[in-house]
Amino acid sequence: MSYVVPVPRVAAVPVVGAEPGAVFPVRRIYCVGRNYVDHAIEMGHSGREPPFFFMKPADAILPVTEDQIGQMRYPSLTRDLHHEVELVVAIGKGGSNIKATDAMDHVYGYAVGLDMTRRDIQGEAKKQGRPWDAGKGFEQSAPIGAIRPAAQCYINAATRISLDVNGAKRQHSVIGKLIWSVPEVIEQLSMAWDLQPGDLIYSGTPEGVAAVLEGDLLHAEIDGVGSLRVKIVSG
């Protein structure tokens, strides 16, 4: 088989402890909206509403290892770029209609991620009842740290998730405050799509989302999973 244009590169994420050159290939990026109570409130909503999802293209990822500081270009068309720190779930075994009780058998590992958002564009899309793609799915909008295999992670309700900007605390919560737990999210997602190895799930962000500027240094961390440092640079 020959292709009439160059074949796009496969988006991939480093894996903690993997042999040199071994990476996690990314197929799809699913994101869960408003999945922490306090974040839902700050966005004008409340309660345990049914989960809803949006997607980012696979090549939106910006992979960053713990010994690096990633460089994210400030994107075009916005004056209101927001950070959202999230626990990312990497799927290692596919399936559809997966029961929550079986969901963890499908998880390869976890990572720290940022769902970067052009909030002004997203807000205008909401007002007009239009898709969020331009607000959520742009280049480098999904920074991610190295994936740590699930067997090396210990995640429970008390696991801390946080994000600092220039050393000042912006977001801080615990995984137990997820409205829909990771197994429940996998169950719901797999009813709508066939999950496959290589899928990433950004599981939602806690309260404290806010704007960042060129020159800002973001430091995201999840206990037992890893950390992620990203600097916002000129676009």
C-alpha atoms as a PDB file:
ATOM      1  CA  MET A   1       0.000   0.000   0.000  1.00  0.00           C
ATOM      2  CA  SER A   2       1.223   3.493  -0.777  1.00  0.00           C
ATOM      3  CA  TYR A   3      -0.136   6.793   0.518  1.00  0.00           C
ATOM      4  CA  VAL A   4      -0.662   9.877  -1.603  1.00  0.00           C
ATOM      5  CA  VAL A   5       0.424  12.236   1.214  1.00  0.00           C
ATOM      6  CA  PRO A   6       2.903  11.731   4.079  1.00  0.00           C
ATOM      7  CA  VAL A   7       1.532   9.475   6.825  1.00  0.00           C
ATOM      8  CA  PRO A   8       0.818  11.482  10.012  1.00  0.00           C
ATOM      9  CA  ARG A   9       3.006  10.587  12.952  1.00  0.00           C
ATOM     10  CA  VAL A  10       1.455   8.517  15.737  1.00  0.00           C
ATOM     11  CA  ALA A  11       0.875  10.603  18.862  1.00  0.00           C
ATOM     12  CA  ALA A  12       2.497   8.869  21.835  1.00  0.00           C
ATOM     13  CA  VAL A  13       3.202   9.331  25.550  1.00  0.00           C
ATOM     14  CA  PRO A  14       6.277   8.134  27.515  1.00  0.00           C
ATOM     15  CA  VAL A  15       5.727   5.330  30.031  1.00  0.00           C
ATOM     16  CA  VAL A  16       7.397   5.193  33.446  1.00  0.00           C
ATOM     17  CA  GLY A  17       9.774   2.218  33.682  1.00  0.00           C
ATOM     18  CA  ALA A  18       9.318   1.111  30.074  1.00  0.00           C
ATOM     19  CA  GLU A  19      12.240  -0.095  28.026  1.00  0.00           C
ATOM     20  CA  PRO A  20      13.994   2.641  26.016  1.00  0.00           C
ATOM     21  CA  GLY A  21      11.931   3.760  23.059  1.00  0.00           C
ATOM     22  CA  ALA A  22       8.698   2.128  24.299  1.00  0.00           C
ATOM     23  CA  VAL A  23       5.758   4.554  24.375  1.00  0.00           C
ATOM     24  CA  PHE A  24       1.960   4.499  24.723  1.00  0.00           C
ATOM     25  CA  PRO A  25       0.310   5.207  21.323  1.00  0.00           C
ATOM     26  CA  VAL A  26      -2.691   7.523  21.514  1.00  0.00           C
ATOM     27  CA  ARG A  27      -5.840   6.663  19.566  1.00  0.00           C
ATOM     28  CA  ARG A  28      -8.514   8.966  21.000  1.00  0.00           C
ATOM     29  CA  ILE A  29      -8.781  11.484  23.834  1.00  0.00           C
ATOM     30  CA  TYR A  30     -12.089  11.495  25.711  1.00  0.00           C
ATOM     31  CA  CYS A  31     -12.780  14.221  28.282  1.00  0.00           C
ATOM     32  CA  VAL A  32     -15.406  14.282  31.024  1.00  0.00           C
ATOM     33  CA  GLY A  33     -17.151  17.612  31.602  1.00  0.00           C
ATOM     34  CA  ARG A  34     -17.900  19.059  35.050  1.00  0.00           C
ATOM     35  CA  ASN A  35     -16.949  15.970  37.057  1.00  0.00           C
ATOM     36  CA  TYR A  36     -16.122  17.649  40.402  1.00  0.00           C
ATOM     37  CA  VAL A  37     -18.970  19.193  42.424  1.00  0.00           C
ATOM     38  CA  ASP A  38     -17.181  22.440  43.283  1.00  0.00           C
ATOM     39  CA  HIS A  39     -16.022  22.946  39.698  1.00  0.00           C
ATOM     40  CA  ALA A  40     -19.569  22.364  38.450  1.00  0.00           C
ATOM     41  CA  ILE A  41     -20.734  25.044  40.888  1.00  0.00           C
ATOM     42  CA  GLU A  42     -18.102  27.562  39.774  1.00  0.00           C
ATOM     43  CA  MET A  43     -19.207  26.953  36.181  1.00  0.00           C
ATOM     44  CA  GLY A  44     -22.841  27.660  37.117  1.00  0.00           C
ATOM     45  CA  HIS A  45     -24.129  24.123  37.645  1.00  0.00           C
ATOM     46  CA  SER A  46     -24.750  21.824  40.586  1.00  0.00           C
ATOM     47  CA  GLY A  47     -25.678  18.289  41.506  1.00  0.00           C
ATOM     48  CA  ARG A  48     -24.873  14.870  40.048  1.00  0.00           C
ATOM     49  CA  GLU A  49     -25.977  15.428  36.482  1.00  0.00           C
ATOM     50  CA  PRO A  50     -25.520  12.575  33.995  1.00  0.00           C
ATOM     51  CA  PRO A  51     -21.922  12.517  32.720  1.00  0.00           C
ATOM     52  CA  PHE A  52     -21.213  14.144  29.380  1.00  0.00           C
ATOM     53  CA  PHE A  53     -18.162  13.903  27.184  1.00  0.00           C
ATOM     54  CA  PHE A  54     -16.229  15.784  24.540  1.00  0.00           C
ATOM     55  CA  MET A  55     -13.130  14.829  22.576  1.00  0.00           C
ATOM     56  CA  LYS A  56      -9.771  16.248  21.614  1.00  0.00           C
ATOM     57  CA  PRO A  57      -7.738  15.046  18.632  1.00  0.00           C
ATOM     58  CA  ALA A  58      -4.941  12.630  19.496  1.00  0.00           C
ATOM     59  CA  ASP A  59      -2.288  15.042  18.283  1.00  0.00           C
ATOM     60  CA  ALA A  60      -3.454  17.664  20.811  1.00  0.00           C
ATOM     61  CA  ILE A  61      -1.216  15.975  23.370  1.00  0.00           C
ATOM     62  CA  LEU A  62       1.972  17.648  24.560  1.00  0.00           C
ATOM     63  CA  PRO A  63       3.955  14.830  26.239  1.00  0.00           C
ATOM     64  CA  VAL A  64       6.327  15.932  29.002  1.00  0.00           C
ATOM     65  CA  THR A  65       8.523  13.729  31.214  1.00  0.00           C
ATOM     66  CA  GLU A  66       9.111  14.613  34.874  1.00  0.00           C
ATOM     67  CA  ASP A  67      12.646  15.847  34.183  1.00  0.00           C
ATOM     68  CA  GLN A  68      11.383  18.295  31.545  1.00  0.00           C
ATOM     69  CA  ILE A  69       9.505  21.567  31.431  1.00  0.00           C
ATOM     70  CA  GLY A  70       7.124  21.422  28.500  1.00  0.00           C
ATOM     71  CA  GLN A  71       6.766  24.451  26.257  1.00  0.00           C
ATOM     72  CA  MET A  72       3.154  25.232  25.350  1.00  0.00           C
ATOM     73  CA  ARG A  73       2.560  27.962  22.805  1.00  0.00           C
ATOM     74  CA  TYR A  74      -0.113  30.471  23.760  1.00  0.00           C
ATOM     75  CA  PRO A  75      -2.803  29.636  21.190  1.00  0.00           C
ATOM     76  CA  SER A  76      -4.304  31.964  18.619  1.00  0.00           C
ATOM     77  CA  LEU A  77      -7.823  33.466  18.733  1.00  0.00           C
ATOM     78  CA  THR A  78      -8.024  33.732  22.526  1.00  0.00           C
ATOM     79  CA  ARG A  79      -7.351  36.185  25.331  1.00  0.00           C
ATOM     80  CA  ASP A  80      -8.568  33.825  28.051  1.00  0.00           C
ATOM     81  CA  LEU A  81      -6.553  30.577  28.167  1.00  0.00           C
ATOM     82  CA  HIS A  82      -7.511  28.477  31.221  1.00  0.00           C
ATOM     83  CA  HIS A  83      -5.822  25.558  33.000  1.00  0.00           C
ATOM     84  CA  GLU A  84      -7.650  22.411  34.170  1.00  0.00           C
ATOM     85  CA  VAL A  85      -5.614  19.725  35.971  1.00  0.00           C
ATOM     86  CA  GLU A  86      -6.933  16.177  35.552  1.00  0.00           C
ATOM     87  CA  LEU A  87      -6.256  12.524  36.320  1.00  0.00           C
ATOM     88  CA  VAL A  88      -5.757  10.824  32.948  1.00  0.00           C
ATOM     89  CA  VAL A  89      -6.729   7.170  32.535  1.00  0.00           C
ATOM     90  CA  ALA A  90      -4.904   5.177  29.838  1.00  0.00           C
ATOM     91  CA  ILE A  91      -6.893   2.276  28.383  1.00  0.00           C
ATOM     92  CA  GLY A  92      -4.957  -0.924  27.745  1.00  0.00           C
ATOM     93  CA  LYS A  93      -7.773  -3.321  26.858  1.00  0.00           C
ATOM     94  CA  GLY A  94     -10.729  -2.380  24.692  1.00  0.00           C
ATOM     95  CA  GLY A  95     -14.383  -3.190  24.976  1.00  0.00           C
ATOM     96  CA  SER A  96     -17.963  -1.956  24.763  1.00  0.00           C
ATOM     97  CA  ASN A  97     -20.707  -1.969  27.405  1.00  0.00           C
ATOM     98  CA  ILE A  98     -18.099  -2.515  30.107  1.00  0.00           C
ATOM     99  CA  LYS A  99     -19.543  -2.876  33.590  1.00  0.00           C
ATOM    100  CA  ALA A 100     -18.126  -0.612  36.283  1.00  0.00           C
ATOM    101  CA  THR A 101     -17.222  -3.706  38.289  1.00  0.00           C
ATOM    102  CA  ASP A 102     -14.974  -4.871  35.433  1.00  0.00           C
ATOM    103  CA  ALA A 103     -13.681  -1.478  34.337  1.00  0.00           C
ATOM    104  CA  MET A 104     -10.337  -1.540  36.130  1.00  0.00           C
ATOM    105  CA  ASP A 105      -9.310  -4.619  34.119  1.00  0.00           C
ATOM    106  CA  HIS A 106      -9.225  -2.300  31.087  1.00  0.00           C
ATOM    107  CA  VAL A 107      -6.901   0.321  32.617  1.00  0.00           C
ATOM    108  CA  TYR A 108      -3.241   0.278  31.600  1.00  0.00           C
ATOM    109  CA  GLY A 109      -2.144   3.177  33.765  1.00  0.00           C
ATOM    110  CA  TYR A 110      -2.536   6.790  34.842  1.00  0.00           C
ATOM    111  CA  ALA A 111      -0.954  10.165  34.171  1.00  0.00           C
ATOM    112  CA  VAL A 112      -1.257  13.811  35.142  1.00  0.00           C
ATOM    113  CA  GLY A 113      -2.856  15.911  32.418  1.00  0.00           C
ATOM    114  CA  LEU A 114      -3.966  19.450  31.645  1.00  0.00           C
ATOM    115  CA  ASP A 115      -7.110  20.227  29.690  1.00  0.00           C
ATOM    116  CA  MET A 116      -6.154  23.673  28.364  1.00  0.00           C
ATOM    117  CA  THR A 117      -9.169  25.681  27.256  1.00  0.00           C
ATOM    118  CA  ARG A 118      -9.772  28.773  25.163  1.00  0.00           C
ATOM    119  CA  ARG A 119     -12.492  29.820  27.620  1.00  0.00           C
ATOM    120  CA  ASP A 120     -13.729  32.839  25.676  1.00  0.00           C
ATOM    121  CA  ILE A 121     -14.240  30.737  22.550  1.00  0.00           C
ATOM    122  CA  GLN A 122     -15.882  27.945  24.550  1.00  0.00           C
ATOM    123  CA  GLY A 123     -18.148  30.465  26.294  1.00  0.00           C
ATOM    124  CA  GLU A 124     -19.310  31.968  23.016  1.00  0.00           C
ATOM    125  CA  ALA A 125     -19.987  28.478  21.618  1.00  0.00           C
ATOM    126  CA  LYS A 126     -22.108  27.675  24.675  1.00  0.00           C
ATOM    127  CA  LYS A 127     -24.168  30.844  24.207  1.00  0.00           C
ATOM    128  CA  GLN A 128     -24.876  29.950  20.594  1.00  0.00           C
ATOM    129  CA  GLY A 129     -25.447  26.241  21.216  1.00  0.00           C
ATOM    130  CA  ARG A 130     -22.479  25.298  19.041  1.00  0.00           C
ATOM    131  CA  PRO A 131     -19.796  22.601  19.491  1.00  0.00           C
ATOM    132  CA  TRP A 132     -16.823  23.291  21.777  1.00  0.00           C
ATOM    133  CA  ASP A 133     -14.161  22.003  19.375  1.00  0.00           C
ATOM    134  CA  ALA A 134     -12.395  25.327  18.830  1.00  0.00           C
ATOM    135  CA  GLY A 135     -12.340  25.992  22.564  1.00  0.00           C
ATOM    136  CA  LYS A 136     -11.022  22.574  23.560  1.00  0.00           C
ATOM    137  CA  GLY A 137      -9.371  20.740  20.671  1.00  0.00           C
ATOM    138  CA  PHE A 138      -6.536  22.952  19.471  1.00  0.00           C
ATOM    139  CA  GLU A 139      -2.797  22.174  19.158  1.00  0.00           C
ATOM    140  CA  GLN A 140      -1.028  21.349  22.457  1.00  0.00           C
ATOM    141  CA  SER A 141      -4.322  21.627  24.372  1.00  0.00           C
ATOM    142  CA  ALA A 142      -3.696  18.344  26.203  1.00  0.00           C
ATOM    143  CA  PRO A 143      -0.318  18.437  27.990  1.00  0.00           C
ATOM    144  CA  ILE A 144       0.367  15.107  29.707  1.00  0.00           C
ATOM    145  CA  GLY A 145       3.038  13.622  31.936  1.00  0.00           C
ATOM    146  CA  ALA A 146       4.476  10.137  31.573  1.00  0.00           C
ATOM    147  CA  ILE A 147       2.000   7.289  32.062  1.00  0.00           C
ATOM    148  CA  ARG A 148       2.604   5.166  35.150  1.00  0.00           C
ATOM    149  CA  PRO A 149       1.340   1.558  34.928  1.00  0.00           C
ATOM    150  CA  ALA A 150      -1.675   0.943  37.163  1.00  0.00           C
ATOM    151  CA  ALA A 151       0.151  -1.667  39.238  1.00  0.00           C
ATOM    152  CA  GLN A 152       2.614   1.035  40.310  1.00  0.00           C
ATOM    153  CA  CYS A 153      -0.105   3.513  41.325  1.00  0.00           C
ATOM    154  CA  TYR A 154      -2.088   3.638  44.538  1.00  0.00           C
ATOM    155  CA  ILE A 155      -5.141   5.819  43.982  1.00  0.00           C
ATOM    156  CA  ASN A 156      -7.963   6.140  46.484  1.00  0.00           C
ATOM    157  CA  ALA A 157     -10.482   8.753  47.651  1.00  0.00           C
ATOM    158  CA  ALA A 158      -7.787  10.654  49.566  1.00  0.00           C
ATOM    159  CA  THR A 159      -5.350  10.921  46.625  1.00  0.00           C
ATOM    160  CA  ARG A 160      -4.444  14.600  46.195  1.00  0.00           C
ATOM    161  CA  ILE A 161      -4.607  16.425  42.864  1.00  0.00           C
ATOM    162  CA  SER A 162      -3.226  19.948  42.577  1.00  0.00           C
ATOM    163  CA  LEU A 163      -1.943  22.667  40.275  1.00  0.00           C
ATOM    164  CA  ASP A 164       0.291  25.660  41.041  1.00  0.00           C
ATOM    165  CA  VAL A 165       0.941  28.612  38.759  1.00  0.00           C
ATOM    166  CA  ASN A 166       4.241  30.401  39.393  1.00  0.00           C
ATOM    167  CA  GLY A 167       4.403  28.697  42.792  1.00  0.00           C
ATOM    168  CA  ALA A 168       0.933  29.838  43.911  1.00  0.00           C
ATOM    169  CA  LYS A 169      -1.774  27.266  44.554  1.00  0.00           C
ATOM    170  CA  ARG A 170      -4.636  27.422  42.048  1.00  0.00           C
ATOM    171  CA  GLN A 171      -6.352  24.018  42.176  1.00  0.00           C
ATOM    172  CA  HIS A 172      -6.360  21.511  45.016  1.00  0.00           C
ATOM    173  CA  SER A 173      -8.699  18.612  45.713  1.00  0.00           C
ATOM    174  CA  VAL A 174      -8.845  14.838  46.143  1.00  0.00           C
ATOM    175  CA  ILE A 175      -9.870  12.112  43.697  1.00  0.00           C
ATOM    176  CA  GLY A 176     -12.692  11.108  46.013  1.00  0.00           C
ATOM    177  CA  LYS A 177     -14.534  14.285  45.005  1.00  0.00           C
ATOM    178  CA  LEU A 178     -15.082  13.017  41.468  1.00  0.00           C
ATOM    179  CA  ILE A 179     -18.833  13.013  40.834  1.00  0.00           C
ATOM    180  CA  TRP A 180     -18.470   9.991  38.561  1.00  0.00           C
ATOM    181  CA  SER A 181     -15.664   7.624  39.560  1.00  0.00           C
ATOM    182  CA  VAL A 182     -13.187   6.214  37.064  1.00  0.00           C
ATOM    183  CA  PRO A 183     -15.027   2.835  36.810  1.00  0.00           C
ATOM    184  CA  GLU A 184     -18.346   4.640  36.321  1.00  0.00           C
ATOM    185  CA  VAL A 185     -16.854   6.885  33.632  1.00  0.00           C
ATOM    186  CA  ILE A 186     -15.487   3.867  31.764  1.00  0.00           C
ATOM    187  CA  GLU A 187     -18.888   2.171  31.979  1.00  0.00           C
ATOM    188  CA  GLN A 188     -20.669   5.245  30.582  1.00  0.00           C
ATOM    189  CA  LEU A 189     -18.101   5.891  27.848  1.00  0.00           C
ATOM    190  CA  SER A 190     -18.136   2.295  26.662  1.00  0.00           C
ATOM    191  CA  MET A 191     -21.895   2.444  26.135  1.00  0.00           C
ATOM    192  CA  ALA A 192     -21.437   5.246  23.598  1.00  0.00           C
ATOM    193  CA  TRP A 193     -18.125   4.252  21.966  1.00  0.00           C
ATOM    194  CA  ASP A 194     -16.054   1.110  21.549  1.00  0.00           C
ATOM    195  CA  LEU A 195     -13.051   1.780  23.779  1.00  0.00           C
ATOM    196  CA  GLN A 196      -9.736   0.599  22.369  1.00  0.00           C
ATOM    197  CA  PRO A 197      -6.147   0.247  23.589  1.00  0.00           C
ATOM    198  CA  GLY A 198      -4.513   3.642  23.219  1.00  0.00           C
ATOM    199  CA  ASP A 199      -7.520   5.665  24.354  1.00  0.00           C
ATOM    200  CA  LEU A 200      -6.984   8.332  27.011  1.00  0.00           C
ATOM    201  CA  ILE A 201      -9.687   9.581  29.375  1.00  0.00           C
ATOM    202  CA  TYR A 202      -9.280  13.012  30.972  1.00  0.00           C
ATOM    203  CA  SER A 203     -11.491  12.460  34.002  1.00  0.00           C
ATOM    204  CA  GLY A 204     -12.439  16.019  34.975  1.00  0.00           C
ATOM    205  CA  THR A 205     -10.991  18.951  36.904  1.00  0.00           C
ATOM    206  CA  PRO A 206     -11.560  20.326  40.411  1.00  0.00           C
ATOM    207  CA  GLU A 207     -12.450  23.915  41.239  1.00  0.00           C
ATOM    208  CA  GLY A 208      -9.999  26.781  40.827  1.00  0.00           C
ATOM    209  CA  VAL A 209      -9.701  26.973  37.038  1.00  0.00           C
ATOM    210  CA  ALA A 210      -8.350  30.338  35.926  1.00  0.00           C
ATOM    211  CA  ALA A 211      -6.467  32.126  33.186  1.00  0.00           C
ATOM    212  CA  VAL A 212      -2.753  31.869  32.445  1.00  0.00           C
ATOM    213  CA  LEU A 213      -0.455  34.244  30.572  1.00  0.00           C
ATOM    214  CA  GLU A 214       2.698  33.988  28.519  1.00  0.00           C
ATOM    215  CA  GLY A 215       5.632  33.266  30.824  1.00  0.00           C
ATOM    216  CA  ASP A 216       3.567  31.431  33.463  1.00  0.00           C
ATOM    217  CA  LEU A 217       4.907  28.125  34.811  1.00  0.00           C
ATOM    218  CA  LEU A 218       2.291  25.477  35.618  1.00  0.00           C
ATOM    219  CA  HIS A 219       3.116  22.631  37.994  1.00  0.00           C
ATOM    220  CA  ALA A 220       0.495  19.877  38.207  1.00  0.00           C
ATOM    221  CA  GLU A 221       0.761  16.886  40.529  1.00  0.00           C
ATOM    222  CA  ILE A 222      -1.211  13.812  41.567  1.00  0.00           C
ATOM    223  CA  ASP A 223       0.059  11.781  44.509  1.00  0.00           C
ATOM    224  CA  GLY A 224       1.334   8.370  43.484  1.00  0.00           C
ATOM    225  CA  VAL A 225       0.961   9.138  39.784  1.00  0.00           C
ATOM    226  CA  GLY A 226       3.441  11.866  38.925  1.00  0.00           C
ATOM    227  CA  SER A 227       3.900  15.532  38.136  1.00  0.00           C
ATOM    228  CA  LEU A 228       3.846  17.757  35.078  1.00  0.00           C
ATOM    229  CA  ARG A 229       5.502  21.115  34.469  1.00  0.00           C
ATOM    230  CA  VAL A 230       4.531  23.313  31.532  1.00  0.00           C
ATOM    231  CA  LYS A 231       5.580  26.858  30.664  1.00  0.00           C
ATOM    232  CA  ILE A 232       3.370  29.064  28.517  1.00  0.00           C
ATOM    233  CA  VAL A 233       5.443  30.624  25.762  1.00  0.00           C
ATOM    234  CA  SER A 234       4.761  33.056  22.944  1.00  0.00           C
ATOM    235  CA  GLY A 235       2.642  31.664  20.157  1.00  0.00           C
END
